Amino acid sequence: MFYRENGQFKTNYRDDQQIFPIAQDRWAIILLVLAAFLVVPFFTSDYMFRAILIPFVIMSLAALGVNILVGYCGQISLGSGAFMAVGAYAAYNFFIRVPGLPLIVVLILGGLSATVFGIFFGLPSLRVKGLYLAVATLAAQFFSDWMFLRIKWFTNYSPSGSVSVNDLSVLGMSINSPLSKYILCLSVLVIIAILAKNLVRGAIGREWMAIRDMDVAAAVIGIRPMYAKLTAFAVSSFIVGVAGALWGFIYLGAWEPAAFSVDISFRLLFMVIIGGMGSIMGSFFGAAFIVILPIALNQFLPVLGNLFGIEISTSGISHAELIIFGGLIVWFLIVEPHGLAKLWSIGKQKLRLWPFPH
């Protein structure tokens, strides 16, 4: 009853084309963002910031970038980990080789470097699609692993191949505490999410979705497949590259090429599939599912074992976590293949009609 647009009249096209045309949605998002900035920091420990909130925010940003390419443009990619690695290592090299460069500029340059890399490996999408495109983008993953492991210049000639950053600051403010890192990552996520939401609602977003639904028909009506596909790779790679720079600089602090292995590419793809392809909100749902569920299982399984008098070893917990996690993913894909975002949409539609019969 409270979730209806009764009395909310639109008198011009600008009002009708708002991101959140229903006032309840608009206020809910504003309150949620304000709570994330102003309320969460007062009730969250340093452990929660490091283990859950910071990785969740960064992975949400990376999943958002992958969703633009996979969900909105329909180009399957298994090279997201490579784009994150390029963003992280490019930002690292700008950071150490150009003294005094602001951190925000470093993150943007890392994203732009990933954009160039993504466009280069997006060229096969002009000729192949589906499984063949997935294999082509997987080549980017193997190439980046070799490049950052063998070409010592990228790691500043580190003997072990690992790199590290410290003494980070933005506008003169130190970014070394878990709270300041969380605020920085959340600010970047909010800004890019708003820009991405407007982008997918515009002309370029409609071109991406036309290519996704039927590329031949899109070409017939005047949409240029090359432009649409490469812009999707460019925007996606930029966002994923910025997320990779944040993952290295803010979450890890010190990393090696193995930190951006093919495993992270699959995790990002799972986030998009579970959260909902072609949905900005689905990126957040998928990231929450992938990041929080393993931690929750790791905490819950020992308690469950103690209740039944079963002693579960650390390796047993790890194996059970993988089994349960994989089983839940398969079960969820069978029950709701359109992702958590679809369930969210169905719930909102039911609220708009409640208590009347459907």
Protein backbone atom coordinates (compact mmCIF):
# COMPACT_ATOMS: atom_id res chain seq x y z
CA MET A 1 0.00 0.00 0.00
CA PHE A 2 2.88 2.39 0.77
CA TYR A 3 4.68 1.48 -2.47
CA ARG A 4 2.48 3.11 -5.10
CA GLU A 5 2.83 6.10 -7.37
CA ASN A 6 -0.70 7.36 -6.72
CA GLY A 7 -0.73 11.13 -7.06
CA GLN A 8 2.74 11.29 -8.61
CA PHE A 9 1.90 12.97 -11.89
CA LYS A 10 4.51 13.56 -14.61
CA THR A 11 3.98 16.78 -16.55
CA ASN A 12 7.10 16.71 -18.76
CA TYR A 13 9.46 14.20 -20.38
CA ARG A 14 12.32 15.05 -18.01
CA ASP A 15 10.31 13.86 -15.01
CA ASP A 16 9.10 10.79 -16.85
CA GLN A 17 12.66 9.76 -17.78
CA GLN A 18 14.16 9.97 -14.30
CA ILE A 19 16.40 7.17 -13.10
CA PHE A 20 13.93 6.48 -10.29
CA PRO A 21 10.51 7.74 -11.48
CA ILE A 22 8.75 6.51 -8.32
CA ALA A 23 9.42 8.76 -5.32
CA GLN A 24 9.64 5.81 -2.92
CA ASP A 25 12.49 4.30 -4.95
CA ARG A 26 14.26 7.62 -5.10
CA TRP A 27 14.08 8.23 -1.36
CA ALA A 28 15.00 4.62 -0.56
CA ILE A 29 18.19 4.86 -2.63
CA ILE A 30 19.09 8.25 -1.12
CA LEU A 31 18.58 6.91 2.42
CA LEU A 32 20.56 3.76 1.61
CA VAL A 33 23.52 5.78 0.28
CA LEU A 34 23.40 8.15 3.26
CA ALA A 35 23.31 5.19 5.63
CA ALA A 36 26.31 3.64 3.88
CA PHE A 37 28.29 6.87 4.29
CA LEU A 38 27.06 8.15 7.67
CA VAL A 39 25.62 5.24 9.68
CA VAL A 40 27.69 2.17 8.78
CA PRO A 41 31.05 3.69 9.89
CA PHE A 42 29.75 4.14 13.47
CA PHE A 43 28.60 0.53 13.90
CA THR A 44 31.27 -1.41 12.03
CA SER A 45 34.54 -2.83 13.30
CA ASP A 46 37.86 -2.76 11.48
CA TYR A 47 37.49 -6.49 10.79
CA MET A 48 34.14 -5.94 9.05
CA PHE A 49 35.65 -3.21 6.92
CA ARG A 50 38.64 -5.34 5.88
CA ALA A 51 36.92 -8.71 5.47
CA ILE A 52 33.49 -7.81 4.12
CA LEU A 53 32.66 -4.20 3.25
CA ILE A 54 35.76 -3.15 1.30
CA PRO A 55 35.92 -6.33 -0.85
CA PHE A 56 32.15 -6.15 -1.36
CA VAL A 57 32.29 -2.54 -2.59
CA ILE A 58 35.23 -3.18 -4.93
CA MET A 59 33.75 -6.42 -6.30
CA SER A 60 30.43 -4.63 -6.85
CA LEU A 61 32.28 -2.11 -8.99
CA ALA A 62 34.03 -4.87 -10.97
CA ALA A 63 30.76 -6.80 -11.41
CA LEU A 64 29.13 -3.59 -12.66
CA GLY A 65 31.78 -3.33 -15.37
CA VAL A 66 31.40 -6.99 -16.37
CA ASN A 67 27.60 -6.61 -16.44
CA ILE A 68 27.85 -3.81 -19.00
CA LEU A 69 29.77 -6.10 -21.35
CA VAL A 70 28.04 -9.43 -20.64
CA GLY A 71 24.59 -8.39 -19.47
CA TYR A 72 23.88 -5.32 -21.59
CA CYS A 73 25.90 -6.05 -24.75
CA GLY A 74 25.81 -9.86 -24.65
CA GLN A 75 29.58 -10.32 -25.17
CA ILE A 76 30.76 -13.20 -22.97
CA SER A 77 34.12 -12.44 -21.40
CA LEU A 78 36.45 -14.55 -19.27
CA GLY A 79 39.23 -11.96 -19.23
CA SER A 80 37.94 -9.71 -16.45
CA GLY A 81 40.77 -10.74 -14.14
CA ALA A 82 43.25 -9.61 -16.82
CA PHE A 83 41.56 -6.21 -17.09
CA MET A 84 41.74 -5.85 -13.30
CA ALA A 85 45.44 -6.79 -13.39
CA VAL A 86 46.19 -4.24 -16.11
CA GLY A 87 44.39 -1.54 -14.11
CA ALA A 88 46.29 -2.44 -10.92
CA TYR A 89 49.76 -2.66 -12.48
CA ALA A 90 49.29 0.40 -14.69
CA ALA A 91 48.16 2.43 -11.67
CA TYR A 92 51.16 1.09 -9.72
CA ASN A 93 53.60 2.19 -12.40
CA PHE A 94 52.05 5.64 -12.70
CA PHE A 95 52.16 5.90 -8.90
CA ILE A 96 55.87 5.11 -8.51
CA ARG A 97 57.21 6.64 -11.74
CA VAL A 98 55.39 9.99 -11.60
CA PRO A 99 56.01 11.45 -8.13
CA GLY A 100 53.24 13.59 -6.70
CA LEU A 101 50.51 12.25 -9.00
CA PRO A 102 47.15 12.36 -7.12
CA LEU A 103 45.66 8.98 -6.24
CA ILE A 104 42.40 9.71 -8.08
CA VAL A 105 44.35 10.51 -11.25
CA VAL A 106 46.36 7.29 -10.78
CA LEU A 107 43.12 5.27 -10.56
CA ILE A 108 41.74 6.93 -13.70
CA LEU A 109 44.96 6.30 -15.62
CA GLY A 110 44.85 2.67 -14.52
CA GLY A 111 41.30 2.44 -15.85
CA LEU A 112 42.30 4.06 -19.16
CA SER A 113 45.16 1.59 -19.57
CA ALA A 114 42.72 -1.26 -19.03
CA THR A 115 40.47 0.38 -21.64
CA VAL A 116 43.18 0.18 -24.30
CA PHE A 117 43.91 -3.43 -23.32
CA GLY A 118 40.19 -4.30 -23.39
CA ILE A 119 39.62 -2.76 -26.83
CA PHE A 120 42.57 -4.72 -28.23
CA PHE A 121 41.23 -8.03 -26.94
CA GLY A 122 37.69 -6.98 -27.86
CA LEU A 123 38.55 -6.93 -31.56
CA PRO A 124 37.76 -10.68 -31.94
CA SER A 125 34.14 -9.83 -30.98
CA LEU A 126 33.78 -8.30 -34.45
CA ARG A 127 34.16 -11.75 -35.99
CA VAL A 128 33.26 -14.34 -33.35
CA LYS A 129 30.73 -14.60 -30.55
CA GLY A 130 29.50 -16.97 -27.88
CA LEU A 131 31.88 -19.68 -26.74
CA TYR A 132 34.51 -18.64 -29.28
CA LEU A 133 34.56 -15.09 -27.91
CA ALA A 134 34.85 -16.44 -24.37
CA VAL A 135 37.94 -18.42 -25.41
CA ALA A 136 39.39 -15.35 -27.16
CA THR A 137 38.98 -13.21 -24.05
CA LEU A 138 40.43 -16.02 -21.94
CA ALA A 139 43.60 -15.52 -23.98
CA ALA A 140 43.82 -12.05 -22.42
CA GLN A 141 43.95 -13.70 -19.00
CA PHE A 142 46.84 -15.99 -19.94
CA PHE A 143 48.66 -13.16 -21.72
CA SER A 144 48.42 -10.83 -18.71
CA ASP A 145 49.62 -13.60 -16.37
CA TRP A 146 52.69 -14.12 -18.58
CA MET A 147 53.31 -10.39 -19.10
CA PHE A 148 53.31 -9.37 -15.44
CA LEU A 149 55.29 -12.44 -14.41
CA ARG A 150 58.00 -12.29 -17.07
CA ILE A 151 58.42 -8.60 -17.94
CA LYS A 152 60.12 -7.27 -14.81
CA TRP A 153 59.61 -3.62 -15.74
CA PHE A 154 55.94 -3.82 -14.77
CA THR A 155 56.88 -4.94 -11.24
CA ASN A 156 59.73 -2.39 -10.94
CA TYR A 157 62.25 -5.25 -11.19
CA SER A 158 61.06 -6.86 -7.97
CA PRO A 159 62.88 -10.22 -7.50
CA SER A 160 59.74 -11.93 -6.15
CA GLY A 161 57.38 -10.32 -8.65
CA SER A 162 55.27 -8.78 -5.88
CA VAL A 163 54.63 -5.05 -5.57
CA SER A 164 53.33 -2.87 -2.76
CA VAL A 165 52.06 0.65 -2.17
CA ASN A 166 51.83 2.74 0.98
CA ASP A 167 51.25 6.27 2.27
CA LEU A 168 48.15 6.80 0.14
CA SER A 169 46.30 10.12 0.37
CA VAL A 170 43.47 11.94 -1.36
CA LEU A 171 43.25 15.75 -1.20
CA GLY A 172 45.76 15.76 1.63
CA MET A 173 43.82 13.21 3.69
CA SER A 174 45.54 9.93 4.58
CA ILE A 175 43.97 6.75 3.19
CA ASN A 176 45.50 4.21 5.56
CA SER A 177 42.70 3.38 8.01
CA PRO A 178 39.98 0.84 7.13
CA LEU A 179 37.31 3.57 7.44
CA SER A 180 39.04 5.96 5.02
CA LYS A 181 39.60 3.12 2.54
CA TYR A 182 35.92 2.17 2.73
CA ILE A 183 34.79 5.78 2.17
CA LEU A 184 37.08 6.15 -0.85
CA CYS A 185 35.91 2.90 -2.46
CA LEU A 186 32.26 3.67 -1.74
CA SER A 187 32.58 7.17 -3.24
CA VAL A 188 34.10 5.76 -6.44
CA LEU A 189 31.37 3.09 -6.61
CA VAL A 190 28.50 5.58 -6.20
CA ILE A 191 29.87 7.96 -8.85
CA ILE A 192 30.54 5.22 -11.42
CA ALA A 193 27.22 3.47 -10.71
CA ILE A 194 25.27 6.69 -11.38
CA LEU A 195 27.22 7.29 -14.60
CA ALA A 196 26.71 3.68 -15.70
CA LYS A 197 22.98 3.82 -14.96
CA ASN A 198 22.61 6.93 -17.12
CA LEU A 199 24.79 5.40 -19.83
CA VAL A 200 22.73 2.23 -20.22
CA ARG A 201 19.53 4.32 -20.37
CA GLY A 202 20.89 6.45 -23.21
CA ALA A 203 21.43 5.90 -26.93
CA ILE A 204 24.62 3.88 -26.48
CA GLY A 205 22.91 1.62 -23.93
CA ARG A 206 20.06 0.93 -26.34
CA GLU A 207 22.61 0.05 -29.03
CA TRP A 208 24.29 -2.42 -26.67
CA MET A 209 20.98 -4.10 -25.87
CA ALA A 210 20.05 -4.25 -29.57
CA ILE A 211 23.35 -6.00 -30.32
CA ARG A 212 22.72 -8.37 -27.41
CA ASP A 213 19.21 -9.31 -28.53
CA MET A 214 19.91 -9.74 -32.27
CA ASP A 215 23.04 -8.28 -33.82
CA VAL A 216 21.94 -8.90 -37.42
CA ALA A 217 18.68 -7.00 -36.95
CA ALA A 218 20.55 -4.21 -35.12
CA ALA A 219 22.90 -3.82 -38.10
CA VAL A 220 19.91 -3.71 -40.48
CA ILE A 221 18.34 -0.76 -38.64
CA GLY A 222 21.58 1.23 -38.74
CA ILE A 223 23.42 0.31 -35.55
CA ARG A 224 27.15 -0.16 -36.13
CA PRO A 225 28.18 -3.46 -34.49
CA MET A 226 31.85 -2.52 -34.39
CA TYR A 227 31.17 0.75 -32.58
CA ALA A 228 28.68 -0.80 -30.15
CA LYS A 229 30.84 -3.81 -29.24
CA LEU A 230 34.09 -1.90 -28.86
CA THR A 231 32.49 0.84 -26.78
CA ALA A 232 31.06 -1.87 -24.51
CA PHE A 233 34.53 -3.38 -24.15
CA ALA A 234 36.01 0.07 -23.53
CA VAL A 235 33.53 1.14 -20.83
CA SER A 236 33.56 -2.28 -19.19
CA SER A 237 37.36 -2.49 -19.18
CA PHE A 238 37.66 1.02 -17.72
CA ILE A 239 35.35 0.21 -14.80
CA VAL A 240 36.98 -3.18 -14.19
CA GLY A 241 40.43 -1.57 -14.44
CA VAL A 242 39.53 1.02 -11.79
CA ALA A 243 38.21 -1.82 -9.62
CA GLY A 244 41.49 -3.69 -10.14
CA ALA A 245 43.49 -0.63 -9.07
CA LEU A 246 41.34 -0.29 -5.95
CA TRP A 247 41.69 -4.03 -5.26
CA GLY A 248 45.48 -3.76 -5.38
CA PHE A 249 45.96 -0.35 -3.74
CA ILE A 250 43.20 -0.39 -1.13
CA TYR A 251 42.29 -3.99 -0.32
CA LEU A 252 45.55 -5.90 -0.85
CA GLY A 253 48.22 -3.22 -0.45
CA ALA A 254 50.79 -5.72 -1.77
CA TRP A 255 50.10 -8.20 -4.55
CA GLU A 256 51.56 -10.44 -7.23
CA PRO A 257 50.18 -11.62 -10.62
CA ALA A 258 48.47 -14.60 -8.97
CA ALA A 259 46.15 -12.14 -7.19
CA PHE A 260 44.38 -11.60 -10.54
CA SER A 261 44.18 -15.19 -11.75
CA VAL A 262 41.45 -16.74 -13.88
CA ASP A 263 39.62 -17.58 -10.65
CA ILE A 264 38.66 -13.94 -10.18
CA SER A 265 37.34 -13.83 -13.77
CA PHE A 266 34.99 -16.73 -13.04
CA ARG A 267 33.89 -15.16 -9.76
CA LEU A 268 32.96 -11.93 -11.53
CA LEU A 269 31.02 -13.85 -14.18
CA PHE A 270 29.16 -15.75 -11.44
CA MET A 271 28.30 -12.44 -9.78
CA VAL A 272 26.68 -11.19 -12.98
CA ILE A 273 24.78 -14.43 -13.62
CA ILE A 274 23.52 -14.79 -10.04
CA GLY A 275 22.77 -11.12 -9.52
CA GLY A 276 21.01 -10.68 -12.85
CA MET A 277 22.39 -9.92 -16.29
CA GLY A 278 21.47 -6.53 -17.71
CA SER A 279 20.77 -5.03 -14.29
CA ILE A 280 22.80 -2.44 -12.39
CA MET A 281 21.17 -3.54 -9.14
CA GLY A 282 21.95 -7.18 -9.99
CA SER A 283 25.68 -6.38 -9.86
CA PHE A 284 25.34 -5.46 -6.17
CA PHE A 285 23.21 -8.52 -5.39
CA GLY A 286 25.67 -10.86 -7.11
CA ALA A 287 28.68 -9.32 -5.37
CA ALA A 288 26.97 -9.63 -1.99
CA PHE A 289 26.15 -13.30 -2.68
CA ILE A 290 29.68 -14.23 -3.77
CA VAL A 291 31.56 -12.20 -1.13
CA ILE A 292 29.40 -12.67 1.95
CA LEU A 293 28.15 -16.26 1.57
CA PRO A 294 31.57 -18.01 1.91
CA ILE A 295 32.34 -15.95 5.02
CA ALA A 296 28.93 -16.76 6.51
CA LEU A 297 29.38 -20.47 5.79
CA ASN A 298 32.84 -20.42 7.32
CA GLN A 299 31.35 -19.00 10.53
CA PHE A 300 28.19 -21.13 10.54
CA LEU A 301 29.57 -24.61 9.77
CA PRO A 302 31.67 -24.97 12.97
CA VAL A 303 28.67 -23.93 15.08
CA LEU A 304 26.46 -26.45 13.28
CA GLY A 305 29.07 -29.15 13.79
CA ASN A 306 29.24 -28.46 17.53
CA LEU A 307 25.44 -28.71 17.82
CA PHE A 308 25.52 -32.26 16.40
CA GLY A 309 28.72 -33.24 18.21
CA ILE A 310 30.75 -33.39 15.02
CA GLU A 311 34.25 -32.01 14.99
CA ILE A 312 34.94 -30.36 11.65
CA SER A 313 38.56 -29.70 10.74
CA THR A 314 39.72 -26.57 8.99
CA SER A 315 40.20 -28.44 5.71
CA GLY A 316 36.78 -30.05 6.12
CA ILE A 317 35.19 -26.60 6.58
CA SER A 318 36.96 -25.38 3.45
CA HIS A 319 35.77 -28.36 1.38
CA ALA A 320 32.21 -28.18 2.75
CA GLU A 321 32.15 -24.47 2.00
CA LEU A 322 33.03 -25.10 -1.65
CA ILE A 323 30.46 -27.91 -1.95
CA ILE A 324 27.63 -25.89 -0.39
CA PHE A 325 28.59 -22.78 -2.29
CA GLY A 326 28.62 -24.59 -5.64
CA GLY A 327 25.39 -26.42 -4.86
CA LEU A 328 23.62 -23.17 -3.99
CA ILE A 329 24.78 -21.58 -7.24
CA VAL A 330 23.45 -24.51 -9.30
CA TRP A 331 20.19 -24.60 -7.34
CA PHE A 332 19.70 -20.89 -7.71
CA LEU A 333 20.34 -20.92 -11.45
CA ILE A 334 17.71 -23.64 -11.86
CA VAL A 335 15.10 -21.93 -9.68
CA GLU A 336 15.63 -18.35 -10.88
CA PRO A 337 17.88 -18.16 -13.96
CA HIS A 338 17.26 -14.42 -14.33
CA GLY A 339 19.05 -13.68 -11.08
CA LEU A 340 18.33 -11.97 -7.80
CA ALA A 341 17.45 -8.75 -9.60
CA LYS A 342 14.41 -10.52 -11.12
CA LEU A 343 13.23 -11.57 -7.66
CA TRP A 344 13.68 -7.98 -6.51
CA SER A 345 11.62 -6.73 -9.47
CA ILE A 346 8.85 -9.28 -8.81
CA GLY A 347 8.75 -8.26 -5.15
CA LYS A 348 8.32 -4.59 -6.07
CA GLN A 349 5.53 -5.40 -8.51
CA LYS A 350 3.70 -7.36 -5.83
CA LEU A 351 4.04 -4.44 -3.42
CA ARG A 352 2.52 -2.08 -5.99
CA LEU A 353 -0.60 -4.28 -6.23
CA TRP A 354 -0.89 -5.37 -2.58
CA PRO A 355 -3.45 -6.02 -1.04
CA PHE A 356 -5.42 -6.44 -4.25
CA PRO A 357 -5.47 -9.83 -6.03
CA HIS A 358 -2.90 -10.32 -8.80
